[in-house]
Amino acid sequence: MQGVEQAVRHWLESVVVGLNLCPFAAATVREQRLRIVVSRAEEPVALLDDVQDEINRLDDRPATELDTTLIAIPRMLSRFDAYLDVLDEVERLLKRQGRIGVYQVASFHPAYRFDGLPPDDPSHLTNRAPVPLIHLLREASVAAAVA
């Protein structure tokens, strides 16, 4: 699992921060306010438990200590359509708990495709990652970063 974390960290530093795909990411990484957790889940229910654990962790710590979490999912969701189904479940979880507007979810997957674009469109590359990822972000931090 350590190899997965290293691959995600390398992608984050060289692609996301290195190519400035997300200006918000650079400071968060530099100030060590981003957590990378590698899920051992092999089924959606276990993954949703991991997501809940990370939501709780974000709830328990101020943004100055922990601002965002990347959950790497190496053992499941290799098919992009299955990944999208789980993302829908994560959104429903946030909605049930009244956390829409507190947290938002960003998505990254090795086979990421934006709906309605041709398969070879370069836009897909911005959301491609070495393994499926669920990114939990604090809405207030995102709003402050883009203000």
N, C-alpha and C. Protein backbone atom coordinates (compact mmCIF):
# COMPACT_ATOMS: atom_id res chain seq x y z
N MET A 1 0.81 -1.20 0.00
CA MET A 1 0.00 0.00 0.00
C MET A 1 0.86 1.27 0.00
N GLN A 2 2.08 1.15 0.53
CA GLN A 2 2.97 2.30 0.54
C GLN A 2 3.31 2.73 -0.88
N GLY A 3 3.43 1.77 -1.80
CA GLY A 3 3.70 2.10 -3.20
C GLY A 3 2.57 2.89 -3.82
N VAL A 4 1.34 2.60 -3.43
CA VAL A 4 0.18 3.35 -3.93
C VAL A 4 0.25 4.78 -3.43
N GLU A 5 0.52 4.95 -2.15
CA GLU A 5 0.61 6.31 -1.61
C GLU A 5 1.72 7.09 -2.30
N GLN A 6 2.86 6.45 -2.53
CA GLN A 6 3.96 7.13 -3.22
C GLN A 6 3.58 7.52 -4.64
N ALA A 7 2.87 6.63 -5.34
CA ALA A 7 2.44 6.94 -6.71
C ALA A 7 1.47 8.12 -6.73
N VAL A 8 0.56 8.15 -5.77
CA VAL A 8 -0.39 9.27 -5.70
C VAL A 8 0.34 10.56 -5.36
N ARG A 9 1.25 10.50 -4.41
CA ARG A 9 2.01 11.70 -4.03
C ARG A 9 2.84 12.21 -5.20
N HIS A 10 3.46 11.31 -5.94
CA HIS A 10 4.25 11.71 -7.11
C HIS A 10 3.35 12.37 -8.15
N TRP A 11 2.19 11.77 -8.44
CA TRP A 11 1.23 12.35 -9.38
C TRP A 11 0.80 13.74 -8.90
N LEU A 12 0.49 13.85 -7.62
CA LEU A 12 0.04 15.11 -7.06
C LEU A 12 1.10 16.20 -7.23
N GLU A 13 2.34 15.87 -6.87
CA GLU A 13 3.40 16.87 -6.92
C GLU A 13 3.84 17.18 -8.34
N SER A 14 3.96 16.16 -9.19
CA SER A 14 4.48 16.41 -10.54
C SER A 14 3.41 16.85 -11.53
N VAL A 15 2.20 16.35 -11.39
CA VAL A 15 1.15 16.69 -12.36
C VAL A 15 0.25 17.81 -11.83
N VAL A 16 -0.42 17.57 -10.72
CA VAL A 16 -1.40 18.55 -10.23
C VAL A 16 -0.73 19.85 -9.83
N VAL A 17 0.31 19.76 -8.99
CA VAL A 17 1.02 20.96 -8.56
C VAL A 17 2.02 21.39 -9.63
N GLY A 18 2.78 20.43 -10.16
CA GLY A 18 3.82 20.75 -11.14
C GLY A 18 3.31 21.43 -12.39
N LEU A 19 2.15 21.03 -12.87
CA LEU A 19 1.55 21.64 -14.07
C LEU A 19 0.54 22.73 -13.71
N ASN A 20 0.43 23.02 -12.42
CA ASN A 20 -0.49 24.04 -11.90
C ASN A 20 -1.93 23.80 -12.36
N LEU A 21 -2.34 22.53 -12.34
CA LEU A 21 -3.72 22.20 -12.70
C LEU A 21 -4.71 22.71 -11.67
N CYS A 22 -4.24 22.82 -10.44
CA CYS A 22 -5.10 23.33 -9.36
C CYS A 22 -4.27 24.25 -8.48
N PRO A 23 -4.42 25.56 -8.63
CA PRO A 23 -3.63 26.49 -7.81
C PRO A 23 -3.82 26.29 -6.31
N PHE A 24 -4.99 25.82 -5.91
CA PHE A 24 -5.31 25.54 -4.51
C PHE A 24 -4.39 24.47 -3.93
N ALA A 25 -3.97 23.53 -4.78
CA ALA A 25 -3.22 22.36 -4.30
C ALA A 25 -1.82 22.71 -3.80
N ALA A 26 -1.15 23.64 -4.44
CA ALA A 26 0.25 23.90 -4.11
C ALA A 26 0.44 24.27 -2.64
N ALA A 27 -0.32 25.23 -2.15
CA ALA A 27 -0.17 25.64 -0.75
C ALA A 27 -0.57 24.53 0.20
N THR A 28 -1.62 23.81 -0.14
CA THR A 28 -2.09 22.73 0.73
C THR A 28 -1.04 21.64 0.86
N VAL A 29 -0.39 21.30 -0.25
CA VAL A 29 0.67 20.29 -0.23
C VAL A 29 1.89 20.83 0.52
N ARG A 30 2.30 22.04 0.18
CA ARG A 30 3.48 22.65 0.81
C ARG A 30 3.32 22.75 2.32
N GLU A 31 2.13 23.11 2.77
CA GLU A 31 1.87 23.28 4.21
C GLU A 31 1.44 21.99 4.90
N GLN A 32 1.49 20.89 4.17
CA GLN A 32 1.18 19.55 4.69
C GLN A 32 -0.21 19.49 5.33
N ARG A 33 -1.19 20.08 4.63
CA ARG A 33 -2.58 20.05 5.10
C ARG A 33 -3.42 19.10 4.26
N LEU A 34 -2.76 18.26 3.48
CA LEU A 34 -3.43 17.27 2.65
C LEU A 34 -3.08 15.88 3.16
N ARG A 35 -4.09 15.07 3.32
CA ARG A 35 -3.89 13.70 3.78
C ARG A 35 -4.15 12.76 2.61
N ILE A 36 -3.27 11.79 2.45
CA ILE A 36 -3.48 10.71 1.48
C ILE A 36 -3.69 9.44 2.27
N VAL A 37 -4.82 8.79 2.05
CA VAL A 37 -5.12 7.53 2.72
C VAL A 37 -5.38 6.49 1.64
N VAL A 38 -4.83 5.31 1.83
CA VAL A 38 -5.03 4.22 0.88
C VAL A 38 -6.06 3.27 1.47
N SER A 39 -7.19 3.19 0.80
CA SER A 39 -8.27 2.31 1.25
C SER A 39 -7.93 0.86 0.95
N ARG A 40 -8.27 0.00 1.88
CA ARG A 40 -8.12 -1.45 1.66
C ARG A 40 -9.44 -2.07 1.20
N ALA A 41 -10.43 -1.23 0.98
CA ALA A 41 -11.77 -1.71 0.63
C ALA A 41 -11.77 -2.50 -0.68
N GLU A 42 -12.57 -3.54 -0.68
CA GLU A 42 -12.76 -4.36 -1.88
C GLU A 42 -14.22 -4.39 -2.29
N GLU A 43 -15.05 -3.64 -1.57
CA GLU A 43 -16.47 -3.55 -1.90
C GLU A 43 -16.97 -2.15 -1.51
N PRO A 44 -18.02 -1.67 -2.17
CA PRO A 44 -18.48 -0.30 -1.94
C PRO A 44 -18.83 0.02 -0.49
N VAL A 45 -19.44 -0.89 0.23
CA VAL A 45 -19.83 -0.60 1.62
C VAL A 45 -18.60 -0.28 2.47
N ALA A 46 -17.55 -1.06 2.30
CA ALA A 46 -16.32 -0.81 3.06
C ALA A 46 -15.69 0.52 2.65
N LEU A 47 -15.75 0.84 1.37
CA LEU A 47 -15.21 2.11 0.91
C LEU A 47 -16.00 3.28 1.49
N LEU A 48 -17.30 3.17 1.53
CA LEU A 48 -18.11 4.23 2.13
C LEU A 48 -17.80 4.40 3.61
N ASP A 49 -17.46 3.32 4.30
CA ASP A 49 -17.00 3.42 5.69
C ASP A 49 -15.71 4.23 5.76
N ASP A 50 -14.79 3.97 4.82
CA ASP A 50 -13.53 4.74 4.77
C ASP A 50 -13.81 6.22 4.52
N VAL A 51 -14.72 6.49 3.59
CA VAL A 51 -15.09 7.88 3.30
C VAL A 51 -15.65 8.54 4.56
N GLN A 52 -16.52 7.84 5.26
CA GLN A 52 -17.10 8.38 6.49
C GLN A 52 -16.01 8.67 7.53
N ASP A 53 -15.06 7.75 7.66
CA ASP A 53 -13.95 7.98 8.59
C ASP A 53 -13.20 9.26 8.26
N GLU A 54 -12.99 9.50 6.96
CA GLU A 54 -12.24 10.69 6.56
C GLU A 54 -13.07 11.96 6.73
N ILE A 55 -14.37 11.88 6.51
CA ILE A 55 -15.25 13.02 6.80
C ILE A 55 -15.17 13.36 8.29
N ASN A 56 -15.24 12.34 9.12
CA ASN A 56 -15.14 12.55 10.58
C ASN A 56 -13.80 13.17 10.95
N ARG A 57 -12.74 12.70 10.31
CA ARG A 57 -11.41 13.24 10.59
C ARG A 57 -11.36 14.73 10.21
N LEU A 58 -11.91 15.07 9.05
CA LEU A 58 -11.96 16.48 8.64
C LEU A 58 -12.80 17.30 9.61
N ASP A 59 -13.91 16.73 10.07
CA ASP A 59 -14.76 17.41 11.05
C ASP A 59 -14.01 17.70 12.35
N ASP A 60 -13.14 16.79 12.74
CA ASP A 60 -12.47 16.87 14.03
C ASP A 60 -11.23 17.76 14.05
N ARG A 61 -10.77 18.16 12.87
CA ARG A 61 -9.53 18.95 12.81
C ARG A 61 -9.77 20.24 12.05
N PRO A 62 -9.15 21.32 12.48
CA PRO A 62 -9.33 22.58 11.75
C PRO A 62 -8.62 22.54 10.40
N ALA A 63 -9.08 23.36 9.48
CA ALA A 63 -8.49 23.41 8.14
C ALA A 63 -7.02 23.80 8.18
N THR A 64 -6.62 24.52 9.21
CA THR A 64 -5.21 24.90 9.33
C THR A 64 -4.31 23.69 9.57
N GLU A 65 -4.89 22.58 10.03
CA GLU A 65 -4.14 21.34 10.24
C GLU A 65 -4.39 20.33 9.14
N LEU A 66 -5.65 20.17 8.76
CA LEU A 66 -6.04 19.20 7.73
C LEU A 66 -7.13 19.83 6.88
N ASP A 67 -6.78 20.10 5.64
CA ASP A 67 -7.70 20.83 4.78
C ASP A 67 -8.43 19.94 3.78
N THR A 68 -7.80 18.86 3.39
CA THR A 68 -8.36 18.04 2.32
C THR A 68 -7.80 16.62 2.40
N THR A 69 -8.54 15.67 1.88
CA THR A 69 -8.13 14.27 1.92
C THR A 69 -8.31 13.62 0.56
N LEU A 70 -7.29 12.91 0.13
CA LEU A 70 -7.36 12.06 -1.06
C LEU A 70 -7.45 10.62 -0.60
N ILE A 71 -8.50 9.93 -1.01
CA ILE A 71 -8.66 8.51 -0.69
C ILE A 71 -8.32 7.72 -1.95
N ALA A 72 -7.23 6.98 -1.89
CA ALA A 72 -6.81 6.14 -3.01
C ALA A 72 -7.50 4.79 -2.90
N ILE A 73 -7.95 4.27 -4.04
CA ILE A 73 -8.76 3.05 -4.05
C ILE A 73 -8.13 2.03 -5.00
N PRO A 74 -7.07 1.35 -4.59
CA PRO A 74 -6.36 0.46 -5.51
C PRO A 74 -6.98 -0.91 -5.72
N ARG A 75 -7.88 -1.33 -4.82
CA ARG A 75 -8.37 -2.72 -4.87
C ARG A 75 -9.72 -2.88 -5.56
N MET A 76 -10.29 -1.80 -6.03
CA MET A 76 -11.61 -1.89 -6.68
C MET A 76 -11.82 -0.68 -7.57
N LEU A 77 -12.91 -0.68 -8.30
CA LEU A 77 -13.35 0.44 -9.14
C LEU A 77 -12.43 0.71 -10.32
N SER A 78 -11.84 -0.32 -10.88
CA SER A 78 -11.02 -0.12 -12.07
C SER A 78 -11.88 0.29 -13.27
N ARG A 79 -13.15 -0.12 -13.28
CA ARG A 79 -14.06 0.31 -14.35
C ARG A 79 -14.61 1.69 -14.00
N PHE A 80 -14.52 2.60 -14.94
CA PHE A 80 -14.93 3.98 -14.69
C PHE A 80 -16.42 4.08 -14.35
N ASP A 81 -17.26 3.29 -14.98
CA ASP A 81 -18.69 3.36 -14.69
C ASP A 81 -18.99 2.92 -13.25
N ALA A 82 -18.29 1.91 -12.76
CA ALA A 82 -18.46 1.48 -11.37
C ALA A 82 -17.99 2.57 -10.41
N TYR A 83 -16.91 3.23 -10.77
CA TYR A 83 -16.39 4.34 -9.98
C TYR A 83 -17.43 5.46 -9.87
N LEU A 84 -18.06 5.81 -11.00
CA LEU A 84 -19.07 6.86 -10.99
C LEU A 84 -20.26 6.49 -10.11
N ASP A 85 -20.62 5.22 -10.10
CA ASP A 85 -21.72 4.77 -9.23
C ASP A 85 -21.38 5.00 -7.76
N VAL A 86 -20.14 4.72 -7.37
CA VAL A 86 -19.72 4.93 -5.98
C VAL A 86 -19.65 6.42 -5.66
N LEU A 87 -19.21 7.23 -6.62
CA LEU A 87 -19.20 8.68 -6.39
C LEU A 87 -20.61 9.19 -6.09
N ASP A 88 -21.59 8.65 -6.80
CA ASP A 88 -22.98 9.02 -6.52
C ASP A 88 -23.35 8.66 -5.08
N GLU A 89 -22.89 7.51 -4.62
CA GLU A 89 -23.16 7.10 -3.23
C GLU A 89 -22.49 8.04 -2.23
N VAL A 90 -21.29 8.50 -2.55
CA VAL A 90 -20.59 9.44 -1.66
C VAL A 90 -21.38 10.75 -1.59
N GLU A 91 -21.85 11.23 -2.73
CA GLU A 91 -22.66 12.45 -2.74
C GLU A 91 -23.94 12.28 -1.92
N ARG A 92 -24.58 11.11 -2.04
CA ARG A 92 -25.79 10.84 -1.25
C ARG A 92 -25.47 10.82 0.25
N LEU A 93 -24.32 10.26 0.60
CA LEU A 93 -23.89 10.24 1.99
C LEU A 93 -23.76 11.66 2.53
N LEU A 94 -23.09 12.52 1.78
CA LEU A 94 -22.94 13.91 2.21
C LEU A 94 -24.30 14.60 2.33
N LYS A 95 -25.18 14.33 1.39
CA LYS A 95 -26.50 14.96 1.42
C LYS A 95 -27.30 14.50 2.64
N ARG A 96 -27.29 13.19 2.91
CA ARG A 96 -28.02 12.65 4.07
C ARG A 96 -27.54 13.28 5.37
N GLN A 97 -26.26 13.58 5.43
CA GLN A 97 -25.68 14.13 6.66
C GLN A 97 -25.72 15.65 6.70
N GLY A 98 -26.29 16.27 5.68
CA GLY A 98 -26.36 17.73 5.65
C GLY A 98 -25.01 18.38 5.45
N ARG A 99 -24.12 17.69 4.78
CA ARG A 99 -22.76 18.23 4.61
C ARG A 99 -22.50 18.77 3.20
N ILE A 100 -23.53 18.79 2.35
CA ILE A 100 -23.38 19.46 1.07
C ILE A 100 -23.22 20.94 1.39
N GLY A 101 -22.21 21.57 0.84
CA GLY A 101 -21.91 22.95 1.19
C GLY A 101 -20.82 23.05 2.23
N VAL A 102 -20.57 21.97 2.94
CA VAL A 102 -19.45 21.89 3.88
C VAL A 102 -18.27 21.23 3.17
N TYR A 103 -18.56 20.12 2.51
CA TYR A 103 -17.55 19.39 1.75
C TYR A 103 -18.02 19.22 0.32
N GLN A 104 -17.05 19.10 -0.57
CA GLN A 104 -17.34 18.73 -1.94
C GLN A 104 -16.41 17.60 -2.34
N VAL A 105 -16.80 16.89 -3.37
CA VAL A 105 -16.04 15.74 -3.83
C VAL A 105 -15.48 16.04 -5.22
N ALA A 106 -14.19 15.81 -5.38
CA ALA A 106 -13.57 15.87 -6.70
C ALA A 106 -13.19 14.44 -7.07
N SER A 107 -13.17 14.17 -8.36
CA SER A 107 -12.98 12.78 -8.80
C SER A 107 -11.81 12.66 -9.77
N PHE A 108 -11.04 11.60 -9.57
CA PHE A 108 -9.90 11.29 -10.43
C PHE A 108 -9.86 9.78 -10.63
N HIS A 109 -9.55 9.37 -11.86
CA HIS A 109 -9.57 7.95 -12.21
C HIS A 109 -8.63 7.73 -13.39
N PRO A 110 -7.96 6.58 -13.46
CA PRO A 110 -7.06 6.31 -14.60
C PRO A 110 -7.76 6.36 -15.96
N ALA A 111 -9.05 6.07 -16.00
CA ALA A 111 -9.80 6.06 -17.27
C ALA A 111 -10.82 7.19 -17.32
N TYR A 112 -10.55 8.29 -16.64
CA TYR A 112 -11.51 9.38 -16.54
C TYR A 112 -11.92 9.89 -17.92
N ARG A 113 -13.24 10.08 -18.08
CA ARG A 113 -13.79 10.66 -19.31
C ARG A 113 -14.91 11.61 -18.96
N PHE A 114 -14.80 12.83 -19.48
CA PHE A 114 -15.88 13.79 -19.33
C PHE A 114 -17.00 13.40 -20.29
N ASP A 115 -18.21 13.43 -19.79
CA ASP A 115 -19.38 13.06 -20.58
C ASP A 115 -19.52 13.99 -21.78
N GLY A 116 -19.80 13.41 -22.93
CA GLY A 116 -20.05 14.18 -24.13
C GLY A 116 -18.83 14.54 -24.95
N LEU A 117 -17.64 14.20 -24.47
CA LEU A 117 -16.42 14.50 -25.22
C LEU A 117 -15.90 13.24 -25.89
N PRO A 118 -15.21 13.38 -27.02
CA PRO A 118 -14.64 12.21 -27.68
C PRO A 118 -13.61 11.52 -26.78
N PRO A 119 -13.44 10.21 -26.94
CA PRO A 119 -12.50 9.47 -26.08
C PRO A 119 -11.07 10.01 -26.09
N ASP A 120 -10.65 10.60 -27.20
CA ASP A 120 -9.26 11.08 -27.29
C ASP A 120 -9.11 12.56 -26.94
N ASP A 121 -10.14 13.17 -26.40
CA ASP A 121 -10.06 14.58 -26.04
C ASP A 121 -9.04 14.77 -24.91
N PRO A 122 -8.12 15.72 -25.05
CA PRO A 122 -7.09 15.91 -24.02
C PRO A 122 -7.65 16.41 -22.68
N SER A 123 -8.86 16.93 -22.66
CA SER A 123 -9.45 17.41 -21.40
C SER A 123 -9.53 16.32 -20.35
N HIS A 124 -9.69 15.08 -20.79
CA HIS A 124 -9.81 13.96 -19.84
C HIS A 124 -8.56 13.84 -18.96
N LEU A 125 -7.43 14.25 -19.49
CA LEU A 125 -6.16 14.07 -18.78
C LEU A 125 -6.11 14.83 -17.45
N THR A 126 -6.86 15.92 -17.34
CA THR A 126 -6.81 16.70 -16.10
C THR A 126 -7.35 15.94 -14.90
N ASN A 127 -8.17 14.94 -15.14
CA ASN A 127 -8.76 14.17 -14.04
C ASN A 127 -8.30 12.72 -14.02
N ARG A 128 -7.20 12.45 -14.70
CA ARG A 128 -6.66 11.09 -14.67
C ARG A 128 -5.60 11.00 -13.59
N ALA A 129 -5.61 9.88 -12.90
CA ALA A 129 -4.69 9.64 -11.79
C ALA A 129 -4.21 8.19 -11.86
N PRO A 130 -3.16 7.84 -11.13
CA PRO A 130 -2.64 6.47 -11.20
C PRO A 130 -3.60 5.41 -10.68
N VAL A 131 -4.47 5.76 -9.75
CA VAL A 131 -5.49 4.85 -9.21
C VAL A 131 -6.77 5.66 -9.02
N PRO A 132 -7.92 5.01 -8.88
CA PRO A 132 -9.13 5.76 -8.58
C PRO A 132 -8.96 6.52 -7.25
N LEU A 133 -9.42 7.77 -7.26
CA LEU A 133 -9.30 8.63 -6.08
C LEU A 133 -10.63 9.30 -5.79
N ILE A 134 -10.93 9.46 -4.53
CA ILE A 134 -12.02 10.32 -4.08
C ILE A 134 -11.36 11.43 -3.28
N HIS A 135 -11.60 12.66 -3.71
CA HIS A 135 -10.98 13.81 -3.07
C HIS A 135 -12.04 14.58 -2.29
N LEU A 136 -11.89 14.62 -0.99
CA LEU A 136 -12.79 15.38 -0.12
C LEU A 136 -12.17 16.74 0.15
N LEU A 137 -12.90 17.79 -0.20
CA LEU A 137 -12.42 19.15 -0.03
C LEU A 137 -13.39 19.94 0.84
N ARG A 138 -12.86 20.87 1.59
CA ARG A 138 -13.70 21.78 2.36
C ARG A 138 -14.19 22.89 1.42
N GLU A 139 -15.49 23.08 1.35
CA GLU A 139 -16.07 24.11 0.48
C GLU A 139 -15.50 25.49 0.80
N ALA A 140 -15.37 25.82 2.07
CA ALA A 140 -14.88 27.14 2.46
C ALA A 140 -13.46 27.37 1.96
N SER A 141 -12.64 26.34 1.99
CA SER A 141 -11.26 26.47 1.52
C SER A 141 -11.21 26.66 0.01
N VAL A 142 -12.05 25.93 -0.70
CA VAL A 142 -12.11 26.08 -2.16
C VAL A 142 -12.58 27.49 -2.50
N ALA A 143 -13.62 27.96 -1.83
CA ALA A 143 -14.14 29.30 -2.09
C ALA A 143 -13.08 30.37 -1.82
N ALA A 144 -12.33 30.21 -0.74
CA ALA A 144 -11.27 31.16 -0.41
C ALA A 144 -10.16 31.13 -1.45
N ALA A 145 -9.85 29.95 -1.97
CA ALA A 145 -8.77 29.81 -2.94
C ALA A 145 -9.11 30.45 -4.28
N VAL A 146 -10.37 30.42 -4.65
CA VAL A 146 -10.76 30.98 -5.95
C VAL A 146 -11.22 32.43 -5.85
N ALA A 147 -11.27 32.97 -4.64
CA ALA A 147 -11.73 34.36 -4.46
C ALA A 147 -10.65 35.35 -4.85
